[in-house]
Amino acid sequence: MSTSEKAFGLIKAVLTYQERMDGLEKKLAALSDGRTRLADSHVALRDRVSTIEGYLRGRRDAAAASDLPRIEG
């Protein structure tokens, strides 16, 4: 194997390694974006559940404060 063949082999290996690193970088960026969207979705869901809980507590307290007789079942 000549020196030029070894040099070309080395260059090819470096370029292949660089392509793999570029692909890995893109995958990590996509994973990070997905994680950010998941966190935002979690916050929105927490807010919605808090709103529903507040509504239900308000209805429960209003029903408890009223003088209307309750129907027992």
Protein backbone atom coordinates (compact mmCIF):
# COMPACT_ATOMS: atom_id res chain seq x y z
CA MET A 1 0.00 0.00 0.00
CA SER A 2 1.49 3.29 -1.07
CA THR A 3 1.71 6.42 1.01
CA SER A 4 -0.88 8.18 -1.12
CA GLU A 5 -3.35 5.31 -0.61
CA LYS A 6 -2.81 5.54 3.15
CA ALA A 7 -3.32 9.31 3.05
CA PHE A 8 -6.55 8.96 1.05
CA GLY A 9 -7.76 6.27 3.44
CA LEU A 10 -7.07 8.53 6.38
CA ILE A 11 -8.89 11.46 4.76
CA LYS A 12 -11.84 9.22 3.96
CA ALA A 13 -11.96 8.01 7.58
CA VAL A 14 -11.88 11.60 8.88
CA LEU A 15 -14.66 12.70 6.51
CA THR A 16 -16.78 9.69 7.42
CA TYR A 17 -16.28 10.46 11.10
CA GLN A 18 -17.26 14.10 10.51
CA GLU A 19 -20.46 13.01 8.71
CA ARG A 20 -21.37 10.78 11.64
CA MET A 21 -20.79 13.63 14.10
CA ASP A 22 -22.95 15.97 11.98
CA GLY A 23 -25.75 13.40 11.97
CA LEU A 24 -25.45 12.95 15.71
CA GLU A 25 -25.58 16.72 16.21
CA LYS A 26 -28.80 16.94 14.19
CA LYS A 27 -30.37 14.10 16.18
CA LEU A 28 -29.43 15.77 19.48
CA ALA A 29 -30.91 19.08 18.31
CA ALA A 30 -34.17 17.34 17.36
CA LEU A 31 -34.23 15.57 20.71
CA SER A 32 -33.71 18.86 22.52
CA ASP A 33 -36.54 20.48 20.57
CA GLY A 34 -38.84 17.59 21.40
CA ARG A 35 -37.95 17.88 25.08
CA THR A 36 -38.70 21.60 25.04
CA ARG A 37 -42.10 21.01 23.40
CA LEU A 38 -42.87 18.31 25.96
CA ALA A 39 -42.04 20.66 28.84
CA ASP A 40 -44.23 23.40 27.35
CA SER A 41 -47.06 20.92 26.90
CA HIS A 42 -46.70 19.79 30.50
CA VAL A 43 -46.96 23.38 31.75
CA ALA A 44 -50.07 24.01 29.65
CA LEU A 45 -51.68 20.81 30.92
CA ARG A 46 -50.87 21.72 34.53
CA ASP A 47 -52.53 25.10 34.03
CA ARG A 48 -55.64 23.52 32.53
CA VAL A 49 -55.94 21.00 35.36
CA SER A 50 -55.51 23.78 37.94
CA THR A 51 -58.32 25.74 36.29
CA ILE A 52 -60.63 22.72 36.36
CA GLU A 53 -59.78 22.00 39.99
CA GLY A 54 -60.50 25.62 40.92
CA TYR A 55 -63.85 25.48 39.16
CA LEU A 56 -64.81 22.24 40.91
CA ARG A 57 -63.78 23.57 44.33
CA GLY A 58 -65.80 26.72 43.72
CA ARG A 59 -68.87 24.70 42.78
CA ARG A 60 -68.42 22.47 45.82
CA ASP A 61 -68.07 25.45 48.16
CA ALA A 62 -71.09 27.17 46.60
CA ALA A 63 -73.16 24.02 47.03
CA ALA A 64 -72.04 23.67 50.64
CA ALA A 65 -72.89 27.32 51.40
CA SER A 66 -76.39 27.17 49.93
CA ASP A 67 -79.38 26.52 52.15
CA LEU A 68 -80.99 24.20 49.65
CA PRO A 69 -81.57 20.69 50.87
CA ARG A 70 -79.29 18.07 49.35
CA ILE A 71 -80.64 14.97 47.72
CA GLU A 72 -79.08 11.95 49.32
CA GLY A 73 -78.71 8.94 47.09
